[in-house]
């Protein structure tokens, strides 16, 4: 399964990344870049595959542009603090993911 995790760098997102990888899924994350203080996502070679990490700030108008026109089987959105931002993500990914 191709999985996109929005906010996969910390807390719940990190746990989702680990669970998806442990179950053999291909994982892509969208996270804010490290200059904003966020931690890049990935695994060391001893723990298994490295996650594809895309950087973007969903609170900006072009923050989801890095996703391009790609598609995923499932999207996990770990951030519900700003409903308008989540709504924008849902709109951008409509028709590009079987599950959100």
N, C-alpha and C. Protein backbone atom coordinates (compact mmCIF):
# COMPACT_ATOMS: atom_id res chain seq x y z
N UNK A 1 0.84 -1.17 0.00
CA UNK A 1 0.00 0.00 0.00
C UNK A 1 0.89 1.24 0.00
N UNK A 2 0.49 2.25 -0.74
CA UNK A 2 1.18 3.54 -0.75
C UNK A 2 0.46 4.46 0.24
N UNK A 3 1.20 4.89 1.26
CA UNK A 3 0.61 5.66 2.35
C UNK A 3 1.27 7.04 2.40
N UNK A 4 0.42 8.07 2.51
CA UNK A 4 0.90 9.44 2.74
C UNK A 4 0.50 9.82 4.15
N UNK A 5 1.47 10.28 4.93
CA UNK A 5 1.20 10.74 6.29
C UNK A 5 1.51 12.22 6.34
N UNK A 6 0.48 13.02 6.57
CA UNK A 6 0.64 14.46 6.70
C UNK A 6 0.99 14.75 8.16
N UNK A 7 2.18 15.28 8.39
CA UNK A 7 2.62 15.51 9.75
C UNK A 7 3.29 14.27 10.33
N UNK A 8 4.14 13.63 9.56
CA UNK A 8 4.74 12.38 10.01
C UNK A 8 6.02 12.51 10.80
N UNK A 9 6.40 13.71 11.21
CA UNK A 9 7.69 13.90 11.86
C UNK A 9 7.70 13.74 13.36
N UNK A 10 6.58 13.94 14.00
CA UNK A 10 6.54 13.93 15.46
C UNK A 10 5.35 13.14 15.96
N UNK A 11 5.39 12.81 17.21
CA UNK A 11 4.29 12.30 18.02
C UNK A 11 3.47 11.23 17.30
N UNK A 12 2.20 11.48 17.02
CA UNK A 12 1.33 10.47 16.40
C UNK A 12 1.83 10.10 15.02
N UNK A 13 2.30 11.09 14.26
CA UNK A 13 2.81 10.82 12.92
C UNK A 13 3.96 9.83 12.93
N UNK A 14 4.86 9.97 13.87
CA UNK A 14 5.99 9.05 13.98
C UNK A 14 5.50 7.63 14.25
N UNK A 15 4.51 7.49 15.10
CA UNK A 15 3.95 6.16 15.40
C UNK A 15 3.27 5.57 14.16
N UNK A 16 2.58 6.39 13.40
CA UNK A 16 1.95 5.91 12.17
C UNK A 16 2.99 5.46 11.15
N UNK A 17 4.07 6.22 11.04
CA UNK A 17 5.16 5.85 10.13
C UNK A 17 5.71 4.48 10.52
N UNK A 18 6.01 4.32 11.79
CA UNK A 18 6.57 3.04 12.25
C UNK A 18 5.60 1.89 11.99
N UNK A 19 4.31 2.08 12.27
CA UNK A 19 3.32 1.02 12.06
C UNK A 19 3.20 0.68 10.58
N UNK A 20 3.18 1.70 9.73
CA UNK A 20 3.05 1.45 8.29
C UNK A 20 4.27 0.69 7.76
N UNK A 21 5.46 1.11 8.18
CA UNK A 21 6.67 0.42 7.73
C UNK A 21 6.71 -1.01 8.26
N UNK A 22 6.33 -1.20 9.51
CA UNK A 22 6.32 -2.53 10.09
C UNK A 22 5.39 -3.48 9.34
N UNK A 23 4.38 -2.91 8.68
CA UNK A 23 3.42 -3.71 7.92
C UNK A 23 3.72 -3.75 6.43
N UNK A 24 4.92 -3.29 6.05
CA UNK A 24 5.38 -3.42 4.69
C UNK A 24 4.87 -2.39 3.69
N UNK A 25 4.32 -1.31 4.16
CA UNK A 25 3.79 -0.29 3.25
C UNK A 25 4.88 0.68 2.79
N UNK A 26 4.67 1.27 1.61
CA UNK A 26 5.53 2.34 1.12
C UNK A 26 5.03 3.63 1.73
N UNK A 27 5.90 4.36 2.42
CA UNK A 27 5.47 5.53 3.18
C UNK A 27 6.11 6.80 2.65
N UNK A 28 5.25 7.80 2.46
CA UNK A 28 5.69 9.16 2.14
C UNK A 28 5.12 10.06 3.24
N UNK A 29 5.92 11.00 3.71
CA UNK A 29 5.42 11.96 4.69
C UNK A 29 5.53 13.36 4.11
N UNK A 30 4.64 14.21 4.58
CA UNK A 30 4.75 15.64 4.32
C UNK A 30 4.93 16.29 5.67
N UNK A 31 6.02 17.00 5.84
CA UNK A 31 6.32 17.63 7.10
C UNK A 31 6.94 18.99 6.83
N UNK A 32 6.87 19.86 7.82
CA UNK A 32 7.53 21.15 7.66
C UNK A 32 9.03 20.93 7.66
N UNK A 33 9.73 21.80 6.97
CA UNK A 33 11.18 21.63 6.86
C UNK A 33 11.86 21.83 8.20
N UNK A 34 13.05 21.29 8.32
CA UNK A 34 13.78 21.34 9.59
C UNK A 34 14.08 22.76 10.08
N UNK A 35 14.21 23.79 9.23
CA UNK A 35 14.44 25.12 9.80
C UNK A 35 13.33 25.61 10.72
N UNK A 36 12.13 25.06 10.63
CA UNK A 36 11.05 25.47 11.52
C UNK A 36 11.11 24.69 12.83
N UNK A 37 12.12 23.86 12.98
CA UNK A 37 12.28 23.14 14.22
C UNK A 37 11.72 21.73 14.22
N UNK A 38 11.24 21.26 13.08
CA UNK A 38 10.68 19.92 13.01
C UNK A 38 11.78 18.91 12.69
N UNK A 39 11.53 17.68 13.05
CA UNK A 39 12.50 16.62 12.86
C UNK A 39 12.24 15.86 11.57
N UNK A 40 13.28 15.67 10.73
CA UNK A 40 13.07 14.86 9.54
C UNK A 40 12.70 13.43 9.91
N UNK A 41 11.98 12.78 9.03
CA UNK A 41 11.51 11.42 9.28
C UNK A 41 12.38 10.43 8.55
N UNK A 42 12.58 9.27 9.12
CA UNK A 42 13.31 8.21 8.43
C UNK A 42 13.74 7.15 9.41
N UNK A 43 14.37 6.15 8.89
CA UNK A 43 14.89 5.08 9.74
C UNK A 43 16.36 4.89 9.41
N UNK A 44 17.06 4.44 10.38
CA UNK A 44 18.45 4.10 10.14
C UNK A 44 18.51 2.79 9.37
N UNK A 45 19.58 2.53 8.64
CA UNK A 45 19.66 1.27 7.89
C UNK A 45 19.44 0.04 8.75
N UNK A 46 19.79 0.09 10.01
CA UNK A 46 19.62 -1.08 10.87
C UNK A 46 18.15 -1.34 11.19
N UNK A 47 17.28 -0.35 11.05
CA UNK A 47 15.86 -0.52 11.37
C UNK A 47 15.01 -0.78 10.15
N UNK A 48 15.58 -0.63 8.96
CA UNK A 48 14.78 -0.92 7.78
C UNK A 48 14.70 0.23 6.81
N UNK A 49 13.62 0.31 6.05
CA UNK A 49 13.51 1.26 4.95
C UNK A 49 13.48 2.71 5.41
N UNK A 50 13.91 3.57 4.53
CA UNK A 50 13.87 5.01 4.79
C UNK A 50 12.58 5.56 4.17
N UNK A 51 11.93 6.41 4.88
CA UNK A 51 10.69 7.02 4.43
C UNK A 51 10.99 8.13 3.43
N UNK A 52 10.17 8.24 2.40
CA UNK A 52 10.28 9.38 1.50
C UNK A 52 9.68 10.58 2.23
N UNK A 53 10.50 11.60 2.46
CA UNK A 53 10.05 12.77 3.19
C UNK A 53 9.96 13.96 2.25
N UNK A 54 8.77 14.53 2.17
CA UNK A 54 8.56 15.75 1.40
C UNK A 54 8.40 16.89 2.40
N UNK A 55 8.91 18.05 2.03
CA UNK A 55 8.84 19.20 2.92
C UNK A 55 7.91 20.25 2.36
N UNK A 56 6.98 20.71 3.19
CA UNK A 56 6.07 21.77 2.81
C UNK A 56 5.31 22.26 4.03
N UNK A 57 4.89 23.50 3.97
CA UNK A 57 4.14 24.10 5.07
C UNK A 57 2.69 24.24 4.63
N UNK A 58 1.82 23.41 5.18
CA UNK A 58 0.42 23.38 4.77
C UNK A 58 -0.33 24.67 5.07
N UNK A 59 0.23 25.54 5.89
CA UNK A 59 -0.45 26.79 6.23
C UNK A 59 -0.21 27.87 5.19
N UNK A 60 0.59 27.58 4.18
CA UNK A 60 0.84 28.54 3.11
C UNK A 60 0.08 28.12 1.86
N UNK A 61 -0.24 29.06 0.97
CA UNK A 61 -1.04 28.72 -0.21
C UNK A 61 -0.44 27.62 -1.09
N UNK A 62 0.87 27.56 -1.21
CA UNK A 62 1.50 26.55 -2.07
C UNK A 62 2.17 25.44 -1.28
N UNK A 63 1.80 25.29 -0.03
CA UNK A 63 2.44 24.32 0.85
C UNK A 63 2.26 22.86 0.45
N UNK A 64 1.23 22.57 -0.34
CA UNK A 64 0.99 21.20 -0.78
C UNK A 64 1.47 20.95 -2.21
N UNK A 65 2.05 21.95 -2.83
CA UNK A 65 2.51 21.82 -4.22
C UNK A 65 3.54 20.71 -4.37
N UNK A 66 4.29 20.44 -3.34
CA UNK A 66 5.32 19.41 -3.39
C UNK A 66 4.74 18.02 -3.64
N UNK A 67 3.45 17.84 -3.37
CA UNK A 67 2.80 16.55 -3.61
C UNK A 67 2.61 16.28 -5.09
N UNK A 68 2.67 17.33 -5.90
CA UNK A 68 2.47 17.16 -7.33
C UNK A 68 1.10 16.57 -7.61
N UNK A 69 1.03 15.68 -8.59
CA UNK A 69 -0.24 15.01 -8.94
C UNK A 69 -0.22 13.54 -8.53
N UNK A 70 0.64 13.22 -7.60
CA UNK A 70 0.78 11.82 -7.17
C UNK A 70 -0.48 11.32 -6.49
N UNK A 71 -0.58 9.99 -6.40
CA UNK A 71 -1.72 9.34 -5.76
C UNK A 71 -1.24 8.38 -4.68
N UNK A 72 -2.09 8.17 -3.67
CA UNK A 72 -1.81 7.24 -2.59
C UNK A 72 -3.03 6.38 -2.33
N UNK A 73 -2.81 5.24 -1.72
CA UNK A 73 -3.92 4.37 -1.34
C UNK A 73 -4.62 4.90 -0.09
N UNK A 74 -3.83 5.48 0.81
CA UNK A 74 -4.40 6.01 2.06
C UNK A 74 -3.61 7.24 2.49
N UNK A 75 -4.34 8.19 3.07
CA UNK A 75 -3.73 9.40 3.63
C UNK A 75 -4.12 9.47 5.10
N UNK A 76 -3.14 9.69 5.95
CA UNK A 76 -3.38 9.92 7.37
C UNK A 76 -3.01 11.36 7.66
N UNK A 77 -3.93 12.09 8.24
CA UNK A 77 -3.71 13.50 8.56
C UNK A 77 -3.67 13.61 10.08
N UNK A 78 -2.52 13.98 10.61
CA UNK A 78 -2.35 13.98 12.07
C UNK A 78 -2.63 15.33 12.71
N UNK A 79 -3.03 16.31 11.91
CA UNK A 79 -3.18 17.66 12.46
C UNK A 79 -4.59 18.17 12.26
N UNK A 80 -5.33 18.34 13.33
CA UNK A 80 -6.70 18.84 13.24
C UNK A 80 -6.86 20.18 13.95
N UNK A 81 -5.75 20.81 14.27
CA UNK A 81 -5.79 22.06 15.03
C UNK A 81 -6.36 23.23 14.21
N UNK A 82 -6.24 23.14 12.89
CA UNK A 82 -6.74 24.21 12.03
C UNK A 82 -7.64 23.59 10.95
N UNK A 83 -8.93 23.53 11.20
CA UNK A 83 -9.84 22.88 10.26
C UNK A 83 -9.75 23.38 8.83
N UNK A 84 -9.51 24.66 8.61
CA UNK A 84 -9.40 25.18 7.24
C UNK A 84 -8.19 24.60 6.52
N UNK A 85 -7.12 24.37 7.24
CA UNK A 85 -5.92 23.77 6.65
C UNK A 85 -6.21 22.31 6.28
N UNK A 86 -6.89 21.62 7.15
CA UNK A 86 -7.26 20.22 6.87
C UNK A 86 -8.21 20.17 5.68
N UNK A 87 -9.18 21.07 5.63
CA UNK A 87 -10.11 21.12 4.51
C UNK A 87 -9.37 21.37 3.19
N UNK A 88 -8.37 22.24 3.21
CA UNK A 88 -7.59 22.50 2.00
C UNK A 88 -6.85 21.24 1.56
N UNK A 89 -6.32 20.50 2.51
CA UNK A 89 -5.61 19.25 2.19
C UNK A 89 -6.57 18.23 1.58
N UNK A 90 -7.76 18.13 2.15
CA UNK A 90 -8.76 17.21 1.62
C UNK A 90 -9.11 17.59 0.19
N UNK A 91 -9.26 18.88 -0.07
CA UNK A 91 -9.59 19.34 -1.42
C UNK A 91 -8.49 19.02 -2.41
N UNK A 92 -7.26 19.26 -2.02
CA UNK A 92 -6.12 19.00 -2.92
C UNK A 92 -6.00 17.51 -3.23
N UNK A 93 -6.28 16.68 -2.24
CA UNK A 93 -6.09 15.23 -2.41
C UNK A 93 -7.35 14.50 -2.87
N UNK A 94 -8.44 15.21 -3.07
CA UNK A 94 -9.67 14.58 -3.52
C UNK A 94 -9.44 13.84 -4.83
N UNK A 95 -9.86 12.59 -4.88
CA UNK A 95 -9.69 11.78 -6.07
C UNK A 95 -8.29 11.22 -6.26
N UNK A 96 -7.41 11.49 -5.32
CA UNK A 96 -6.02 11.02 -5.42
C UNK A 96 -5.65 10.05 -4.32
N UNK A 97 -6.63 9.71 -3.48
CA UNK A 97 -6.41 8.74 -2.40
C UNK A 97 -7.71 7.98 -2.18
N UNK A 98 -7.60 6.68 -2.01
CA UNK A 98 -8.79 5.88 -1.77
C UNK A 98 -9.40 6.16 -0.40
N UNK A 99 -8.54 6.44 0.57
CA UNK A 99 -8.98 6.71 1.94
C UNK A 99 -8.24 7.93 2.47
N UNK A 100 -8.94 8.78 3.19
CA UNK A 100 -8.34 9.95 3.85
C UNK A 100 -8.77 9.91 5.29
